[in-house]
PDB file of all heavy atoms in Angstrom:
ATOM      1  N   ALA A   1       2.345  -3.341  12.912  1.00  0.00           N
ATOM      2  CA  ALA A   1       2.618  -1.787  13.368  1.00  0.00           C
ATOM      3  C   ALA A   1       4.202  -1.474  13.128  1.00  0.00           C
ATOM      4  O   ALA A   1       4.611  -0.392  13.874  1.00  0.00           O
ATOM      5  CB  ALA A   1       2.051  -1.476  14.777  1.00  0.00           C
ATOM      6  N   SER A   2       4.927  -2.096  12.354  1.00  0.00           N
ATOM      7  CA  SER A   2       6.206  -1.836  12.197  1.00  0.00           C
ATOM      8  C   SER A   2       6.388  -0.308  11.542  1.00  0.00           C
ATOM      9  O   SER A   2       5.711  -0.087  10.572  1.00  0.00           O
ATOM     10  CB  SER A   2       6.936  -2.775  11.167  1.00  0.00           C
ATOM     11  OG  SER A   2       8.338  -2.415  10.865  1.00  0.00           O
ATOM     12  N   MET A   3       7.379   0.358  12.193  1.00  0.00           N
ATOM     13  CA  MET A   3       7.731   1.761  11.729  1.00  0.00           C
ATOM     14  C   MET A   3       8.954   1.740  10.848  1.00  0.00           C
ATOM     15  O   MET A   3       9.566   2.826  10.648  1.00  0.00           O
ATOM     16  CB  MET A   3       7.733   2.643  12.891  1.00  0.00           C
ATOM     17  CG  MET A   3       6.365   2.802  13.581  1.00  0.00           C
ATOM     18  SD  MET A   3       5.170   3.790  12.500  1.00  0.00           S
ATOM     19  CE  MET A   3       3.867   2.631  12.480  1.00  0.00           C
ATOM     20  N   ARG A   4       9.526   0.559  10.623  1.00  0.00           N
ATOM     21  CA  ARG A   4      10.803   0.513   9.949  1.00  0.00           C
ATOM     22  C   ARG A   4      10.946   0.486   8.545  1.00  0.00           C
ATOM     23  O   ARG A   4      11.925   0.710   7.858  1.00  0.00           O
ATOM     24  CB  ARG A   4      11.659  -0.711  10.592  1.00  0.00           C
ATOM     25  CG  ARG A   4      11.899  -0.526  12.052  1.00  0.00           C
ATOM     26  CD  ARG A   4      12.772  -1.541  12.598  1.00  0.00           C
ATOM     27  NE  ARG A   4      12.291  -3.060  12.362  1.00  0.00           N
ATOM     28  CZ  ARG A   4      12.378  -3.839  13.341  1.00  0.00           C
ATOM     29  NH1 ARG A   4      12.976  -3.677  14.496  1.00  0.00           N
ATOM     30  NH2 ARG A   4      11.928  -5.125  13.181  1.00  0.00           N
ATOM     31  N   CYS A   5       9.802   0.054   7.777  1.00  0.00           N
ATOM     32  CA  CYS A   5       9.751  -0.030   6.495  1.00  0.00           C
ATOM     33  C   CYS A   5       8.255   0.114   5.842  1.00  0.00           C
ATOM     34  O   CYS A   5       7.381  -0.152   6.562  1.00  0.00           O
ATOM     35  CB  CYS A   5      10.424  -1.206   5.836  1.00  0.00           C
ATOM     36  SG  CYS A   5       9.611  -2.728   6.317  1.00  0.00           S
ATOM     37  N   ALA A   6       8.094   0.508   4.620  1.00  0.00           N
ATOM     38  CA  ALA A   6       6.827   0.632   3.985  1.00  0.00           C
ATOM     39  C   ALA A   6       6.287  -0.739   3.511  1.00  0.00           C
ATOM     40  O   ALA A   6       7.193  -1.523   2.787  1.00  0.00           O
ATOM     41  CB  ALA A   6       6.875   1.664   2.934  1.00  0.00           C
ATOM     42  N   LEU A   7       5.046  -1.045   3.538  1.00  0.00           N
ATOM     43  CA  LEU A   7       4.541  -2.223   2.966  1.00  0.00           C
ATOM     44  C   LEU A   7       3.844  -2.051   1.552  1.00  0.00           C
ATOM     45  O   LEU A   7       3.424  -2.891   0.864  1.00  0.00           O
ATOM     46  CB  LEU A   7       3.540  -3.061   3.808  1.00  0.00           C
ATOM     47  CG  LEU A   7       4.305  -3.499   5.103  1.00  0.00           C
ATOM     48  CD1 LEU A   7       3.160  -4.096   6.112  1.00  0.00           C
ATOM     49  CD2 LEU A   7       5.290  -4.548   4.781  1.00  0.00           C
ATOM     50  N   MET A   8       3.633  -0.744   1.287  1.00  0.00           N
ATOM     51  CA  MET A   8       3.126  -0.219  -0.080  1.00  0.00           C
ATOM     52  C   MET A   8       3.633   1.036  -0.501  1.00  0.00           C
ATOM     53  O   MET A   8       3.857   1.937   0.195  1.00  0.00           O
ATOM     54  CB  MET A   8       1.640  -0.282  -0.040  1.00  0.00           C
ATOM     55  CG  MET A   8       0.996  -0.096  -1.395  1.00  0.00           C
ATOM     56  SD  MET A   8      -0.699  -0.025  -1.463  1.00  0.00           S
ATOM     57  CE  MET A   8      -1.091   1.536  -0.677  1.00  0.00           C
ATOM     58  N   GLY A   9       4.136   1.084  -1.752  1.00  0.00           N
ATOM     59  CA  GLY A   9       4.543   2.339  -2.397  1.00  0.00           C
ATOM     60  C   GLY A   9       3.744   2.547  -3.658  1.00  0.00           C
ATOM     61  O   GLY A   9       2.647   1.930  -3.843  1.00  0.00           O
ATOM     62  N   ASP A  10       4.124   3.627  -4.446  1.00  0.00           N
ATOM     63  CA  ASP A  10       3.307   4.009  -5.614  1.00  0.00           C
ATOM     64  C   ASP A  10       3.114   2.913  -6.692  1.00  0.00           C
ATOM     65  O   ASP A  10       1.928   2.850  -7.278  1.00  0.00           O
ATOM     66  CB  ASP A  10       3.910   5.274  -6.363  1.00  0.00           C
ATOM     67  CG  ASP A  10       5.384   5.009  -6.850  1.00  0.00           C
ATOM     68  OD1 ASP A  10       6.101   4.133  -6.205  1.00  0.00           O
ATOM     69  OD2 ASP A  10       5.739   5.840  -7.526  1.00  0.00           O
ATOM     70  N   LEU A  11       4.093   2.132  -6.891  1.00  0.00           N
ATOM     71  CA  LEU A  11       3.887   1.042  -7.916  1.00  0.00           C
ATOM     72  C   LEU A  11       2.908   0.029  -7.528  1.00  0.00           C
ATOM     73  O   LEU A  11       2.086  -0.359  -8.431  1.00  0.00           O
ATOM     74  CB  LEU A  11       5.369   0.409  -8.248  1.00  0.00           C
ATOM     75  CG  LEU A  11       6.398   1.371  -8.822  1.00  0.00           C
ATOM     76  CD1 LEU A  11       7.598   0.623  -9.011  1.00  0.00           C
ATOM     77  CD2 LEU A  11       5.932   2.069 -10.046  1.00  0.00           C
ATOM     78  N   ILE A  12       2.824  -0.415  -6.329  1.00  0.00           N
ATOM     79  CA  ILE A  12       2.054  -1.439  -5.940  1.00  0.00           C
ATOM     80  C   ILE A  12       0.599  -0.703  -5.814  1.00  0.00           C
ATOM     81  O   ILE A  12      -0.483  -1.324  -6.206  1.00  0.00           O
ATOM     82  CB  ILE A  12       2.416  -2.067  -4.477  1.00  0.00           C
ATOM     83  CG1 ILE A  12       3.716  -2.850  -4.694  1.00  0.00           C
ATOM     84  CG2 ILE A  12       1.275  -2.906  -3.986  1.00  0.00           C
ATOM     85  CD1 ILE A  12       4.374  -3.401  -3.442  1.00  0.00           C
ATOM     86  N   ALA A  13       0.476   0.488  -5.383  1.00  0.00           N
ATOM     87  CA  ALA A  13      -0.790   1.197  -5.304  1.00  0.00           C
ATOM     88  C   ALA A  13      -1.206   1.421  -6.764  1.00  0.00           C
ATOM     89  O   ALA A  13      -2.521   1.271  -6.878  1.00  0.00           O
ATOM     90  CB  ALA A  13      -0.531   2.475  -4.584  1.00  0.00           C
ATOM     91  N   GLU A  14      -0.538   1.682  -7.764  1.00  0.00           N
ATOM     92  CA  GLU A  14      -1.022   1.795  -9.126  1.00  0.00           C
ATOM     93  C   GLU A  14      -1.527   0.449  -9.550  1.00  0.00           C
ATOM     94  O   GLU A  14      -2.436   0.489 -10.314  1.00  0.00           O
ATOM     95  CB  GLU A  14       0.142   2.195  -9.957  1.00  0.00           C
ATOM     96  CG  GLU A  14       0.490   3.714  -9.838  1.00  0.00           C
ATOM     97  CD  GLU A  14       1.830   4.064 -10.565  1.00  0.00           C
ATOM     98  OE1 GLU A  14       2.380   3.300 -11.405  1.00  0.00           O
ATOM     99  OE2 GLU A  14       2.123   5.254 -10.387  1.00  0.00           O
ATOM    100  N   SER A  15      -0.820  -0.656  -9.174  1.00  0.00           N
ATOM    101  CA  SER A  15      -1.319  -2.019  -9.506  1.00  0.00           C
ATOM    102  C   SER A  15      -2.778  -2.189  -8.945  1.00  0.00           C
ATOM    103  O   SER A  15      -3.709  -2.740  -9.567  1.00  0.00           O
ATOM    104  CB  SER A  15      -0.433  -3.005  -9.059  1.00  0.00           C
ATOM    105  OG  SER A  15      -0.869  -4.385  -9.281  1.00  0.00           O
ATOM    106  N   ALA A  16      -2.936  -1.787  -7.723  1.00  0.00           N
ATOM    107  CA  ALA A  16      -4.302  -1.797  -6.958  1.00  0.00           C
ATOM    108  C   ALA A  16      -5.286  -1.142  -7.636  1.00  0.00           C
ATOM    109  O   ALA A  16      -6.392  -1.635  -7.920  1.00  0.00           O
ATOM    110  CB  ALA A  16      -4.132  -1.358  -5.532  1.00  0.00           C
ATOM    111  N   VAL A  17      -4.971   0.034  -8.227  1.00  0.00           N
ATOM    112  CA  VAL A  17      -5.992   0.874  -8.964  1.00  0.00           C
ATOM    113  C   VAL A  17      -6.222   0.122 -10.239  1.00  0.00           C
ATOM    114  O   VAL A  17      -7.492   0.007 -10.709  1.00  0.00           O
ATOM    115  CB  VAL A  17      -5.439   2.333  -9.324  1.00  0.00           C
ATOM    116  CG1 VAL A  17      -6.229   3.012 -10.305  1.00  0.00           C
ATOM    117  CG2 VAL A  17      -5.354   3.075  -8.051  1.00  0.00           C
ATOM    118  N   LYS A  18      -5.313  -0.326 -11.006  1.00  0.00           N
ATOM    119  CA  LYS A  18      -5.374  -1.183 -12.292  1.00  0.00           C
ATOM    120  C   LYS A  18      -6.324  -2.271 -12.111  1.00  0.00           C
ATOM    121  O   LYS A  18      -7.065  -2.661 -13.076  1.00  0.00           O
ATOM    122  CB  LYS A  18      -4.078  -1.533 -12.776  1.00  0.00           C
ATOM    123  CG  LYS A  18      -4.171  -2.456 -14.039  1.00  0.00           C
ATOM    124  CD  LYS A  18      -2.667  -2.821 -14.464  1.00  0.00           C
ATOM    125  CE  LYS A  18      -2.763  -3.742 -15.695  1.00  0.00           C
ATOM    126  NZ  LYS A  18      -1.470  -4.246 -16.062  1.00  0.00           N
ATOM    127  N   HIS A  19      -6.255  -3.010 -10.937  1.00  0.00           N
ATOM    128  CA  HIS A  19      -7.035  -4.206 -10.655  1.00  0.00           C
ATOM    129  C   HIS A  19      -8.281  -3.792  -9.945  1.00  0.00           C
ATOM    130  O   HIS A  19      -8.919  -4.774  -9.353  1.00  0.00           O
ATOM    131  CB  HIS A  19      -6.103  -5.248 -10.014  1.00  0.00           C
ATOM    132  CG  HIS A  19      -5.119  -5.793 -10.964  1.00  0.00           C
ATOM    133  ND1 HIS A  19      -3.813  -5.179 -11.053  1.00  0.00           N
ATOM    134  CD2 HIS A  19      -5.159  -6.758 -11.756  1.00  0.00           C
ATOM    135  CE1 HIS A  19      -3.176  -5.777 -11.842  1.00  0.00           C
ATOM    136  NE2 HIS A  19      -3.961  -6.740 -12.391  1.00  0.00           N
ATOM    137  N   GLN A  20      -8.737  -2.585  -9.862  1.00  0.00           N
ATOM    138  CA  GLN A  20     -10.032  -2.149  -9.302  1.00  0.00           C
ATOM    139  C   GLN A  20     -10.169  -2.375  -7.847  1.00  0.00           C
ATOM    140  O   GLN A  20     -11.302  -2.512  -7.336  1.00  0.00           O
ATOM    141  CB  GLN A  20     -11.071  -2.723 -10.136  1.00  0.00           C
ATOM    142  CG  GLN A  20     -11.094  -2.249 -11.500  1.00  0.00           C
ATOM    143  CD  GLN A  20     -12.233  -2.819 -12.400  1.00  0.00           C
ATOM    144  OE1 GLN A  20     -12.614  -4.031 -12.285  1.00  0.00           O
ATOM    145  NE2 GLN A  20     -12.619  -1.972 -13.259  1.00  0.00           N
ATOM    146  N   TRP A  21      -9.237  -2.355  -7.030  1.00  0.00           N
ATOM    147  CA  TRP A  21      -9.213  -2.464  -5.497  1.00  0.00           C
ATOM    148  C   TRP A  21      -9.991  -1.130  -5.078  1.00  0.00           C
ATOM    149  O   TRP A  21      -9.655  -0.097  -5.575  1.00  0.00           O
ATOM    150  CB  TRP A  21      -7.975  -2.676  -4.859  1.00  0.00           C
ATOM    151  CG  TRP A  21      -7.519  -4.105  -4.952  1.00  0.00           C
ATOM    152  CD1 TRP A  21      -6.855  -4.583  -6.044  1.00  0.00           C
ATOM    153  CD2 TRP A  21      -7.620  -5.152  -4.090  1.00  0.00           C
ATOM    154  NE1 TRP A  21      -6.519  -5.902  -5.917  1.00  0.00           N
ATOM    155  CE2 TRP A  21      -7.118  -6.364  -4.641  1.00  0.00           C
ATOM    156  CE3 TRP A  21      -8.326  -5.301  -2.834  1.00  0.00           C
ATOM    157  CZ2 TRP A  21      -7.088  -7.629  -4.025  1.00  0.00           C
ATOM    158  CZ3 TRP A  21      -8.316  -6.583  -2.165  1.00  0.00           C
ATOM    159  CH2 TRP A  21      -7.690  -7.657  -2.825  1.00  0.00           C
ATOM    160  N   ASN A  22     -10.881  -1.204  -4.160  1.00  0.00           N
ATOM    161  CA  ASN A  22     -11.383   0.063  -3.499  1.00  0.00           C
ATOM    162  C   ASN A  22     -10.512   0.749  -2.544  1.00  0.00           C
ATOM    163  O   ASN A  22     -10.502   1.819  -2.415  1.00  0.00           O
ATOM    164  CB  ASN A  22     -12.665  -0.265  -2.746  1.00  0.00           C
ATOM    165  CG  ASN A  22     -13.799  -0.653  -3.719  1.00  0.00           C
ATOM    166  OD1 ASN A  22     -13.822  -0.562  -4.902  1.00  0.00           O
ATOM    167  ND2 ASN A  22     -14.961  -1.036  -3.145  1.00  0.00           N
ATOM    168  N   GLY A  23      -9.729  -0.182  -1.880  1.00  0.00           N
ATOM    169  CA  GLY A  23      -8.792   0.564  -0.853  1.00  0.00           C
ATOM    170  C   GLY A  23      -7.787  -0.563  -0.196  1.00  0.00           C
ATOM    171  O   GLY A  23      -7.939  -1.709  -0.385  1.00  0.00           O
ATOM    172  N   VAL A  24      -6.949   0.017   0.534  1.00  0.00           N
ATOM    173  CA  VAL A  24      -5.970  -0.728   1.295  1.00  0.00           C
ATOM    174  C   VAL A  24      -5.770  -0.160   2.767  1.00  0.00           C
ATOM    175  O   VAL A  24      -5.647   1.048   2.786  1.00  0.00           O
ATOM    176  CB  VAL A  24      -4.529  -0.752   0.702  1.00  0.00           C
ATOM    177  CG1 VAL A  24      -3.566  -1.554   1.401  1.00  0.00           C
ATOM    178  CG2 VAL A  24      -4.699  -1.163  -0.924  1.00  0.00           C
ATOM    179  N   ILE A  25      -5.794  -0.914   3.685  1.00  0.00           N
ATOM    180  CA  ILE A  25      -5.645  -0.471   4.990  1.00  0.00           C
ATOM    181  C   ILE A  25      -4.436  -1.263   5.629  1.00  0.00           C
ATOM    182  O   ILE A  25      -4.425  -2.429   5.602  1.00  0.00           O
ATOM    183  CB  ILE A  25      -6.941  -0.776   5.972  1.00  0.00           C
ATOM    184  CG1 ILE A  25      -8.100   0.068   5.483  1.00  0.00           C
ATOM    185  CG2 ILE A  25      -6.642  -0.405   7.413  1.00  0.00           C
ATOM    186  CD1 ILE A  25      -9.467  -0.303   6.102  1.00  0.00           C
ATOM    187  N   ILE A  26      -3.393  -0.483   6.083  1.00  0.00           N
ATOM    188  CA  ILE A  26      -2.176  -1.089   6.430  1.00  0.00           C
ATOM    189  C   ILE A  26      -1.857  -0.779   7.836  1.00  0.00           C
ATOM    190  O   ILE A  26      -1.706   0.537   8.266  1.00  0.00           O
ATOM    191  CB  ILE A  26      -1.014  -0.637   5.515  1.00  0.00           C
ATOM    192  CG1 ILE A  26      -1.408  -1.096   4.072  1.00  0.00           C
ATOM    193  CG2 ILE A  26       0.363  -1.203   6.067  1.00  0.00           C
ATOM    194  CD1 ILE A  26      -0.380  -0.620   3.036  1.00  0.00           C
ATOM    195  N   TYR A  27      -1.883  -1.658   8.677  1.00  0.00           N
ATOM    196  CA  TYR A  27      -1.375  -1.527  10.105  1.00  0.00           C
ATOM    197  C   TYR A  27       0.145  -1.583  10.145  1.00  0.00           C
ATOM    198  O   TYR A  27       0.894  -2.545  10.429  1.00  0.00           O
ATOM    199  CB  TYR A  27      -1.889  -2.579  10.972  1.00  0.00           C
ATOM    200  CG  TYR A  27      -1.746  -2.577  12.611  1.00  0.00           C
ATOM    201  CD1 TYR A  27      -2.150  -1.299  13.152  1.00  0.00           C
ATOM    202  CD2 TYR A  27      -1.160  -3.470  13.254  1.00  0.00           C
ATOM    203  CE1 TYR A  27      -1.968  -1.170  14.463  1.00  0.00           C
ATOM    204  CE2 TYR A  27      -0.797  -3.269  14.578  1.00  0.00           C
ATOM    205  CZ  TYR A  27      -1.293  -2.105  15.215  1.00  0.00           C
ATOM    206  OH  TYR A  27      -1.110  -1.960  16.545  1.00  0.00           O
ATOM    207  N   GLY A  28       0.741  -0.462   9.427  1.00  0.00           N
ATOM    208  CA  GLY A  28       2.142  -0.377   9.238  1.00  0.00           C
ATOM    209  C   GLY A  28       2.271   0.985   8.370  1.00  0.00           C
ATOM    210  O   GLY A  28       1.374   1.893   8.505  1.00  0.00           O
ATOM    211  N   CYS A  29       3.398   1.007   7.569  1.00  0.00           N
ATOM    212  CA  CYS A  29       3.607   2.200   6.815  1.00  0.00           C
ATOM    213  C   CYS A  29       3.459   1.983   5.351  1.00  0.00           C
ATOM    214  O   CYS A  29       3.635   0.933   4.918  1.00  0.00           O
ATOM    215  CB  CYS A  29       5.069   2.563   7.186  1.00  0.00           C
ATOM    216  SG  CYS A  29       5.574   2.971   8.891  1.00  0.00           S
ATOM    217  N   VAL A  30       3.331   3.228   4.618  1.00  0.00           N
ATOM    218  CA  VAL A  30       3.391   3.354   3.274  1.00  0.00           C
ATOM    219  C   VAL A  30       4.610   4.292   2.896  1.00  0.00           C
ATOM    220  O   VAL A  30       5.163   4.935   3.760  1.00  0.00           O
ATOM    221  CB  VAL A  30       2.101   3.897   2.669  1.00  0.00           C
ATOM    222  CG1 VAL A  30       0.983   2.899   2.866  1.00  0.00           C
ATOM    223  CG2 VAL A  30       1.830   5.237   3.292  1.00  0.00           C
ATOM    224  N   ARG A  31       4.817   4.303   1.494  1.00  0.00           N
ATOM    225  CA  ARG A  31       5.885   5.199   1.065  1.00  0.00           C
ATOM    226  C   ARG A  31       5.313   5.903  -0.246  1.00  0.00           C
ATOM    227  O   ARG A  31       4.375   5.459  -0.738  1.00  0.00           O
ATOM    228  CB  ARG A  31       7.239   4.728   0.962  1.00  0.00           C
ATOM    229  CG  ARG A  31       7.297   3.718  -0.231  1.00  0.00           C
ATOM    230  CD  ARG A  31       8.682   2.936  -0.027  1.00  0.00           C
ATOM    231  NE  ARG A  31       9.144   2.714  -1.503  1.00  0.00           N
ATOM    232  CZ  ARG A  31      10.456   2.761  -1.685  1.00  0.00           C
ATOM    233  NH1 ARG A  31      11.281   2.837  -0.846  1.00  0.00           N
ATOM    234  NH2 ARG A  31      10.823   2.528  -2.994  1.00  0.00           N
TER     235      ARG A  31
END
């Protein structure tokens, strides 16, 4: 639940789409 930095941004999310992940749930932050 850290609010100090993001654990995923657009480049990592694009990689997830490319590799056919359905989704990501983060108990923390994104950017």
